[in-house]
Amino acid sequence: MGSKKYSSYAQIDRELEILKIEKEISYQKIVLGYHRTKEGLAPHHLLNNFLGSFKTAFSGSFGAILNIAVPFALNWIINRKRGR
């Protein structure tokens, strides 16, 4: 990257402001990626993703029952472990 030549302080200030905004955007992308990864690794998401492959294999009423029963079972297990 070659050096830029500026003719005024206003151009330098504008370039610094652009770089500051680009830095903030990059930081927010990292934070968003972290939160998505953290959310994706949550136990209920992992189980839903794992069971998702089985849900496609089971069609009809059994698949619908799985879609309803699995979240209730997960909540019951989680609340039972917490002592609620």
PDB file of N, CA and C in Angstrom:
ATOM      1  N   MET A   1       0.847  -1.166   0.000  1.00  0.00           N
ATOM      2  CA  MET A   1       0.000   0.000   0.000  1.00  0.00           C
ATOM      3  C   MET A   1       0.895   1.231   0.000  1.00  0.00           C
ATOM      4  N   GLY A   2       0.722   2.045  -0.986  1.00  0.00           N
ATOM      5  CA  GLY A   2       1.527   3.259  -1.100  1.00  0.00           C
ATOM      6  C   GLY A   2       1.046   4.337  -0.149  1.00  0.00           C
ATOM      7  N   SER A   3       1.908   5.313   0.057  1.00  0.00           N
ATOM      8  CA  SER A   3       1.523   6.399   0.951  1.00  0.00           C
ATOM      9  C   SER A   3       0.642   7.395   0.199  1.00  0.00           C
ATOM     10  N   LYS A   4      -0.335   7.914   0.914  1.00  0.00           N
ATOM     11  CA  LYS A   4      -1.247   8.886   0.321  1.00  0.00           C
ATOM     12  C   LYS A   4      -0.732  10.288   0.593  1.00  0.00           C
ATOM     13  N   LYS A   5      -1.043  11.159  -0.307  1.00  0.00           N
ATOM     14  CA  LYS A   5      -0.686  12.568  -0.130  1.00  0.00           C
ATOM     15  C   LYS A   5      -1.972  13.355   0.108  1.00  0.00           C
ATOM     16  N   TYR A   6      -1.962  14.106   1.168  1.00  0.00           N
ATOM     17  CA  TYR A   6      -3.121  14.903   1.535  1.00  0.00           C
ATOM     18  C   TYR A   6      -2.789  16.373   1.344  1.00  0.00           C
ATOM     19  N   SER A   7      -3.806  17.107   0.910  1.00  0.00           N
ATOM     20  CA  SER A   7      -3.586  18.534   0.688  1.00  0.00           C
ATOM     21  C   SER A   7      -4.151  19.397   1.818  1.00  0.00           C
ATOM     22  N   SER A   8      -4.925  18.760   2.718  1.00  0.00           N
ATOM     23  CA  SER A   8      -5.468  19.533   3.843  1.00  0.00           C
ATOM     24  C   SER A   8      -5.711  18.615   5.040  1.00  0.00           C
ATOM     25  N   TYR A   9      -5.862  19.247   6.189  1.00  0.00           N
ATOM     26  CA  TYR A   9      -6.160  18.496   7.400  1.00  0.00           C
ATOM     27  C   TYR A   9      -7.573  17.912   7.345  1.00  0.00           C
ATOM     28  N   ALA A  10      -8.463  18.544   6.612  1.00  0.00           N
ATOM     29  CA  ALA A  10      -9.835  18.044   6.479  1.00  0.00           C
ATOM     30  C   ALA A  10      -9.837  16.677   5.797  1.00  0.00           C
ATOM     31  N   GLN A  11      -8.994  16.484   4.803  1.00  0.00           N
ATOM     32  CA  GLN A  11      -8.898  15.184   4.134  1.00  0.00           C
ATOM     33  C   GLN A  11      -8.373  14.118   5.087  1.00  0.00           C
ATOM     34  N   ILE A  12      -7.406  14.489   5.903  1.00  0.00           N
ATOM     35  CA  ILE A  12      -6.845  13.552   6.879  1.00  0.00           C
ATOM     36  C   ILE A  12      -7.913  13.165   7.898  1.00  0.00           C
ATOM     37  N   ASP A  13      -8.655  14.171   8.391  1.00  0.00           N
ATOM     38  CA  ASP A  13      -9.712  13.906   9.360  1.00  0.00           C
ATOM     39  C   ASP A  13     -10.790  12.999   8.761  1.00  0.00           C
ATOM     40  N   ARG A  14     -11.144  13.248   7.513  1.00  0.00           N
ATOM     41  CA  ARG A  14     -12.156  12.426   6.833  1.00  0.00           C
ATOM     42  C   ARG A  14     -11.665  10.982   6.702  1.00  0.00           C
ATOM     43  N   GLU A  15     -10.430  10.798   6.315  1.00  0.00           N
ATOM     44  CA  GLU A  15      -9.858   9.457   6.173  1.00  0.00           C
ATOM     45  C   GLU A  15      -9.803   8.745   7.530  1.00  0.00           C
ATOM     46  N   LEU A  16      -9.454   9.454   8.573  1.00  0.00           N
ATOM     47  CA  LEU A  16      -9.422   8.864   9.915  1.00  0.00           C
ATOM     48  C   LEU A  16     -10.822   8.459  10.380  1.00  0.00           C
ATOM     49  N   GLU A  17     -11.807   9.271  10.057  1.00  0.00           N
ATOM     50  CA  GLU A  17     -13.191   8.951  10.422  1.00  0.00           C
ATOM     51  C   GLU A  17     -13.659   7.700   9.679  1.00  0.00           C
ATOM     52  N   ILE A  18     -13.325   7.591   8.410  1.00  0.00           N
ATOM     53  CA  ILE A  18     -13.675   6.401   7.632  1.00  0.00           C
ATOM     54  C   ILE A  18     -13.021   5.162   8.225  1.00  0.00           C
ATOM     55  N   LEU A  19     -11.754   5.258   8.569  1.00  0.00           N
ATOM     56  CA  LEU A  19     -11.048   4.125   9.161  1.00  0.00           C
ATOM     57  C   LEU A  19     -11.640   3.737  10.516  1.00  0.00           C
ATOM     58  N   LYS A  20     -12.044   4.730  11.285  1.00  0.00           N
ATOM     59  CA  LYS A  20     -12.652   4.467  12.588  1.00  0.00           C
ATOM     60  C   LYS A  20     -13.969   3.715  12.417  1.00  0.00           C
ATOM     61  N   ILE A  21     -14.770   4.119  11.441  1.00  0.00           N
ATOM     62  CA  ILE A  21     -16.051   3.453  11.185  1.00  0.00           C
ATOM     63  C   ILE A  21     -15.819   2.033  10.664  1.00  0.00           C
ATOM     64  N   GLU A  22     -14.851   1.850   9.782  1.00  0.00           N
ATOM     65  CA  GLU A  22     -14.526   0.513   9.276  1.00  0.00           C
ATOM     66  C   GLU A  22     -14.059  -0.404  10.403  1.00  0.00           C
ATOM     67  N   LYS A  23     -13.293   0.140  11.333  1.00  0.00           N
ATOM     68  CA  LYS A  23     -12.828  -0.632  12.482  1.00  0.00           C
ATOM     69  C   LYS A  23     -14.009  -1.069  13.342  1.00  0.00           C
ATOM     70  N   GLU A  24     -14.953  -0.164  13.584  1.00  0.00           N
ATOM     71  CA  GLU A  24     -16.130  -0.477  14.395  1.00  0.00           C
ATOM     72  C   GLU A  24     -16.997  -1.541  13.704  1.00  0.00           C
ATOM     73  N   ILE A  25     -17.147  -1.444  12.393  1.00  0.00           N
ATOM     74  CA  ILE A  25     -17.914  -2.448  11.643  1.00  0.00           C
ATOM     75  C   ILE A  25     -17.250  -3.817  11.767  1.00  0.00           C
ATOM     76  N   SER A  26     -15.950  -3.871  11.620  1.00  0.00           N
ATOM     77  CA  SER A  26     -15.226  -5.136  11.744  1.00  0.00           C
ATOM     78  C   SER A  26     -15.376  -5.718  13.143  1.00  0.00           C
ATOM     79  N   TYR A  27     -15.298  -4.876  14.151  1.00  0.00           N
ATOM     80  CA  TYR A  27     -15.459  -5.330  15.528  1.00  0.00           C
ATOM     81  C   TYR A  27     -16.861  -5.900  15.747  1.00  0.00           C
ATOM     82  N   GLN A  28     -17.881  -5.210  15.250  1.00  0.00           N
ATOM     83  CA  GLN A  28     -19.257  -5.676  15.412  1.00  0.00           C
ATOM     84  C   GLN A  28     -19.485  -6.995  14.675  1.00  0.00           C
ATOM     85  N   LYS A  29     -18.833  -7.191  13.527  1.00  0.00           N
ATOM     86  CA  LYS A  29     -18.936  -8.465  12.809  1.00  0.00           C
ATOM     87  C   LYS A  29     -18.338  -9.595  13.638  1.00  0.00           C
ATOM     88  N   ILE A  30     -17.231  -9.328  14.309  1.00  0.00           N
ATOM     89  CA  ILE A  30     -16.603 -10.335  15.167  1.00  0.00           C
ATOM     90  C   ILE A  30     -17.518 -10.664  16.340  1.00  0.00           C
ATOM     91  N   VAL A  31     -18.096  -9.647  16.956  1.00  0.00           N
ATOM     92  CA  VAL A  31     -18.992  -9.859  18.090  1.00  0.00           C
ATOM     93  C   VAL A  31     -20.216 -10.659  17.651  1.00  0.00           C
ATOM     94  N   LEU A  32     -20.788 -10.321  16.505  1.00  0.00           N
ATOM     95  CA  LEU A  32     -21.945 -11.037  15.993  1.00  0.00           C
ATOM     96  C   LEU A  32     -21.591 -12.497  15.699  1.00  0.00           C
ATOM     97  N   GLY A  33     -20.436 -12.722  15.103  1.00  0.00           N
ATOM     98  CA  GLY A  33     -19.993 -14.090  14.835  1.00  0.00           C
ATOM     99  C   GLY A  33     -19.819 -14.891  16.113  1.00  0.00           C
ATOM    100  N   TYR A  34     -19.282 -14.255  17.136  1.00  0.00           N
ATOM    101  CA  TYR A  34     -19.105 -14.909  18.438  1.00  0.00           C
ATOM    102  C   TYR A  34     -20.456 -15.307  19.024  1.00  0.00           C
ATOM    103  N   HIS A  35     -21.419 -14.375  18.995  1.00  0.00           N
ATOM    104  CA  HIS A  35     -22.733 -14.666  19.563  1.00  0.00           C
ATOM    105  C   HIS A  35     -23.453 -15.756  18.774  1.00  0.00           C
ATOM    106  N   ARG A  36     -23.329 -15.732  17.454  1.00  0.00           N
ATOM    107  CA  ARG A  36     -23.956 -16.786  16.643  1.00  0.00           C
ATOM    108  C   ARG A  36     -23.322 -18.142  16.932  1.00  0.00           C
ATOM    109  N   THR A  37     -22.016 -18.172  17.091  1.00  0.00           N
ATOM    110  CA  THR A  37     -21.331 -19.423  17.400  1.00  0.00           C
ATOM    111  C   THR A  37     -21.735 -19.918  18.780  1.00  0.00           C
ATOM    112  N   LYS A  38     -21.773 -19.012  19.737  1.00  0.00           N
ATOM    113  CA  LYS A  38     -22.168 -19.376  21.103  1.00  0.00           C
ATOM    114  C   LYS A  38     -23.594 -19.917  21.115  1.00  0.00           C
ATOM    115  N   GLU A  39     -24.485 -19.259  20.385  1.00  0.00           N
ATOM    116  CA  GLU A  39     -25.874 -19.700  20.315  1.00  0.00           C
ATOM    117  C   GLU A  39     -25.987 -21.040  19.589  1.00  0.00           C
ATOM    118  N   GLY A  40     -25.195 -21.221  18.553  1.00  0.00           N
ATOM    119  CA  GLY A  40     -25.235 -22.465  17.794  1.00  0.00           C
ATOM    120  C   GLY A  40     -24.706 -23.653  18.568  1.00  0.00           C
ATOM    121  N   LEU A  41     -23.849 -23.402  19.556  1.00  0.00           N
ATOM    122  CA  LEU A  41     -23.281 -24.479  20.358  1.00  0.00           C
ATOM    123  C   LEU A  41     -24.079 -24.756  21.635  1.00  0.00           C
ATOM    124  N   ALA A  42     -25.185 -24.055  21.802  1.00  0.00           N
ATOM    125  CA  ALA A  42     -26.040 -24.314  22.964  1.00  0.00           C
ATOM    126  C   ALA A  42     -26.607 -25.723  22.846  1.00  0.00           C
ATOM    127  N   PRO A  43     -26.778 -26.400  23.979  1.00  0.00           N
ATOM    128  CA  PRO A  43     -27.229 -27.800  23.933  1.00  0.00           C
ATOM    129  C   PRO A  43     -28.528 -28.020  23.168  1.00  0.00           C
ATOM    130  N   HIS A  44     -29.516 -27.142  23.345  1.00  0.00           N
ATOM    131  CA  HIS A  44     -30.777 -27.373  22.652  1.00  0.00           C
ATOM    132  C   HIS A  44     -30.642 -27.171  21.142  1.00  0.00           C
ATOM    133  N   HIS A  45     -29.759 -26.276  20.712  1.00  0.00           N
ATOM    134  CA  HIS A  45     -29.537 -26.100  19.274  1.00  0.00           C
ATOM    135  C   HIS A  45     -28.798 -27.299  18.686  1.00  0.00           C
ATOM    136  N   LEU A  46     -27.821 -27.802  19.417  1.00  0.00           N
ATOM    137  CA  LEU A  46     -27.102 -28.979  18.933  1.00  0.00           C
ATOM    138  C   LEU A  46     -28.044 -30.168  18.796  1.00  0.00           C
ATOM    139  N   LEU A  47     -28.898 -30.350  19.804  1.00  0.00           N
ATOM    140  CA  LEU A  47     -29.834 -31.466  19.764  1.00  0.00           C
ATOM    141  C   LEU A  47     -30.855 -31.287  18.648  1.00  0.00           C
ATOM    142  N   ASN A  48     -31.347 -30.061  18.485  1.00  0.00           N
ATOM    143  CA  ASN A  48     -32.303 -29.808  17.401  1.00  0.00           C
ATOM    144  C   ASN A  48     -31.666 -30.046  16.042  1.00  0.00           C
ATOM    145  N   ASN A  49     -30.416 -29.633  15.867  1.00  0.00           N
ATOM    146  CA  ASN A  49     -29.731 -29.872  14.598  1.00  0.00           C
ATOM    147  C   ASN A  49     -29.515 -31.359  14.375  1.00  0.00           C
ATOM    148  N   PHE A  50     -29.163 -32.067  15.441  1.00  0.00           N
ATOM    149  CA  PHE A  50     -28.951 -33.506  15.337  1.00  0.00           C
ATOM    150  C   PHE A  50     -30.258 -34.216  14.996  1.00  0.00           C
ATOM    151  N   LEU A  51     -31.323 -33.815  15.680  1.00  0.00           N
ATOM    152  CA  LEU A  51     -32.617 -34.441  15.418  1.00  0.00           C
ATOM    153  C   LEU A  51     -33.225 -33.975  14.105  1.00  0.00           C
ATOM    154  N   GLY A  52     -32.774 -32.843  13.593  1.00  0.00           N
ATOM    155  CA  GLY A  52     -33.295 -32.340  12.331  1.00  0.00           C
ATOM    156  C   GLY A  52     -33.082 -33.310  11.190  1.00  0.00           C
ATOM    157  N   SER A  53     -31.956 -34.005  11.210  1.00  0.00           N
ATOM    158  CA  SER A  53     -31.708 -34.985  10.161  1.00  0.00           C
ATOM    159  C   SER A  53     -32.682 -36.161  10.274  1.00  0.00           C
ATOM    160  N   PHE A  54     -33.065 -36.505  11.493  1.00  0.00           N
ATOM    161  CA  PHE A  54     -34.036 -37.580  11.677  1.00  0.00           C
ATOM    162  C   PHE A  54     -35.452 -37.122  11.350  1.00  0.00           C
ATOM    163  N   LYS A  55     -35.738 -35.848  11.602  1.00  0.00           N
ATOM    164  CA  LYS A  55     -37.079 -35.329  11.323  1.00  0.00           C
ATOM    165  C   LYS A  55     -37.399 -35.406   9.837  1.00  0.00           C
ATOM    166  N   THR A  56     -36.395 -35.166   9.009  1.00  0.00           N
ATOM    167  CA  THR A  56     -36.641 -35.236   7.569  1.00  0.00           C
ATOM    168  C   THR A  56     -36.887 -36.678   7.134  1.00  0.00           C
ATOM    169  N   ALA A  57     -36.282 -37.633   7.837  1.00  0.00           N
ATOM    170  CA  ALA A  57     -36.487 -39.041   7.497  1.00  0.00           C
ATOM    171  C   ALA A  57     -37.894 -39.492   7.889  1.00  0.00           C
ATOM    172  N   PHE A  58     -38.393 -38.953   8.995  1.00  0.00           N
ATOM    173  CA  PHE A  58     -39.734 -39.307   9.444  1.00  0.00           C
ATOM    174  C   PHE A  58     -40.704 -38.267   8.923  1.00  0.00           C
ATOM    175  N   SER A  59     -41.587 -38.685   8.079  1.00  0.00           N
ATOM    176  CA  SER A  59     -42.556 -37.733   7.538  1.00  0.00           C
ATOM    177  C   SER A  59     -43.920 -38.030   8.139  1.00  0.00           C
ATOM    178  N   GLY A  60     -44.829 -37.136   7.916  1.00  0.00           N
ATOM    179  CA  GLY A  60     -46.195 -37.329   8.383  1.00  0.00           C
ATOM    180  C   GLY A  60     -46.365 -36.974   9.836  1.00  0.00           C
ATOM    181  N   SER A  61     -47.236 -37.733  10.508  1.00  0.00           N
ATOM    182  CA  SER A  61     -47.621 -37.395  11.871  1.00  0.00           C
ATOM    183  C   SER A  61     -46.483 -37.618  12.865  1.00  0.00           C
ATOM    184  N   PHE A  62     -45.621 -38.600  12.616  1.00  0.00           N
ATOM    185  CA  PHE A  62     -44.522 -38.852  13.554  1.00  0.00           C
ATOM    186  C   PHE A  62     -43.556 -37.666  13.593  1.00  0.00           C
ATOM    187  N   GLY A  63     -43.274 -37.075  12.447  1.00  0.00           N
ATOM    188  CA  GLY A  63     -42.424 -35.891  12.399  1.00  0.00           C
ATOM    189  C   GLY A  63     -43.048 -34.720  13.127  1.00  0.00           C
ATOM    190  N   ALA A  64     -44.361 -34.561  12.992  1.00  0.00           N
ATOM    191  CA  ALA A  64     -45.062 -33.479  13.693  1.00  0.00           C
ATOM    192  C   ALA A  64     -45.017 -33.696  15.199  1.00  0.00           C
ATOM    193  N   ILE A  65     -45.169 -34.945  15.615  1.00  0.00           N
ATOM    194  CA  ILE A  65     -45.100 -35.250  17.048  1.00  0.00           C
ATOM    195  C   ILE A  65     -43.703 -34.947  17.582  1.00  0.00           C
ATOM    196  N   LEU A  66     -42.677 -35.302  16.818  1.00  0.00           N
ATOM    197  CA  LEU A  66     -41.306 -34.980  17.240  1.00  0.00           C
ATOM    198  C   LEU A  66     -41.106 -33.483  17.366  1.00  0.00           C
ATOM    199  N   ASN A  67     -41.626 -32.713  16.409  1.00  0.00           N
ATOM    200  CA  ASN A  67     -41.477 -31.254  16.448  1.00  0.00           C
ATOM    201  C   ASN A  67     -42.113 -30.659  17.689  1.00  0.00           C
ATOM    202  N   ILE A  68     -43.163 -31.255  18.174  1.00  0.00           N
ATOM    203  CA  ILE A  68     -43.846 -30.743  19.362  1.00  0.00           C
ATOM    204  C   ILE A  68     -43.202 -31.289  20.635  1.00  0.00           C
ATOM    205  N   ALA A  69     -42.875 -32.564  20.657  1.00  0.00           N
ATOM    206  CA  ALA A  69     -42.423 -33.220  21.881  1.00  0.00           C
ATOM    207  C   ALA A  69     -40.990 -32.876  22.275  1.00  0.00           C
ATOM    208  N   VAL A  70     -40.114 -32.727  21.319  1.00  0.00           N
ATOM    209  CA  VAL A  70     -38.697 -32.502  21.638  1.00  0.00           C
ATOM    210  C   VAL A  70     -38.473 -31.222  22.448  1.00  0.00           C
ATOM    211  N   PRO A  71     -39.030 -30.078  22.054  1.00  0.00           N
ATOM    212  CA  PRO A  71     -38.806 -28.874  22.883  1.00  0.00           C
ATOM    213  C   PRO A  71     -39.338 -29.012  24.312  1.00  0.00           C
ATOM    214  N   PHE A  72     -40.515 -29.655  24.466  1.00  0.00           N
ATOM    215  CA  PHE A  72     -41.049 -29.858  25.808  1.00  0.00           C
ATOM    216  C   PHE A  72     -40.144 -30.759  26.632  1.00  0.00           C
ATOM    217  N   ALA A  73     -39.642 -31.821  26.017  1.00  0.00           N
ATOM    218  CA  ALA A  73     -38.751 -32.740  26.729  1.00  0.00           C
ATOM    219  C   ALA A  73     -37.458 -32.033  27.131  1.00  0.00           C
ATOM    220  N   LEU A  74     -36.907 -31.235  26.238  1.00  0.00           N
ATOM    221  CA  LEU A  74     -35.673 -30.508  26.559  1.00  0.00           C
ATOM    222  C   LEU A  74     -35.893 -29.538  27.714  1.00  0.00           C
ATOM    223  N   ASN A  75     -36.975 -28.788  27.670  1.00  0.00           N
ATOM    224  CA  ASN A  75     -37.259 -27.847  28.765  1.00  0.00           C
ATOM    225  C   ASN A  75     -37.453 -28.581  30.080  1.00  0.00           C
ATOM    226  N   TRP A  76     -38.132 -29.730  30.053  1.00  0.00           N
ATOM    227  CA  TRP A  76     -38.336 -30.502  31.267  1.00  0.00           C
ATOM    228  C   TRP A  76     -37.003 -30.975  31.837  1.00  0.00           C
ATOM    229  N   ILE A  77     -36.111 -31.460  30.975  1.00  0.00           N
ATOM    230  CA  ILE A  77     -34.805 -31.943  31.425  1.00  0.00           C
ATOM    231  C   ILE A  77     -33.974 -30.797  32.003  1.00  0.00           C
ATOM    232  N   ILE A  78     -33.965 -29.665  31.319  1.00  0.00           N
ATOM    233  CA  ILE A  78     -33.178 -28.511  31.765  1.00  0.00           C
ATOM    234  C   ILE A  78     -33.708 -28.004  33.113  1.00  0.00           C
ATOM    235  N   ASN A  79     -35.023 -27.875  33.231  1.00  0.00           N
ATOM    236  CA  ASN A  79     -35.609 -27.393  34.489  1.00  0.00           C
ATOM    237  C   ASN A  79     -35.431 -28.388  35.615  1.00  0.00           C
ATOM    238  N   ARG A  80     -35.444 -29.662  35.311  1.00  0.00           N
ATOM    239  CA  ARG A  80     -35.229 -30.701  36.331  1.00  0.00           C
ATOM    240  C   ARG A  80     -33.813 -30.631  36.889  1.00  0.00           C
ATOM    241  N   LYS A  81     -32.835 -30.399  36.016  1.00  0.00           N
ATOM    242  CA  LYS A  81     -31.448 -30.297  36.462  1.00  0.00           C
ATOM    243  C   LYS A  81     -31.217 -29.052  37.312  1.00  0.00           C
ATOM    244  N   ARG A  82     -31.966 -28.004  37.019  1.00  0.00           N
ATOM    245  CA  ARG A  82     -31.817 -26.756  37.781  1.00  0.00           C
ATOM    246  C   ARG A  82     -32.563 -26.817  39.107  1.00  0.00           C
ATOM    247  N   GLY A  83     -33.394 -27.824  39.311  1.00  0.00           N
ATOM    248  CA  GLY A  83     -34.112 -27.975  40.561  1.00  0.00           C
ATOM    249  C   GLY A  83     -35.380 -27.154  40.636  1.00  0.00           C
ATOM    250  N   ARG A  84     -35.970 -26.846  39.514  1.00  0.00           N
ATOM    251  CA  ARG A  84     -37.213 -26.046  39.520  1.00  0.00           C
ATOM    252  C   ARG A  84     -38.416 -26.919  39.583  1.00  0.00           C
TER     253      ARG A  84
END
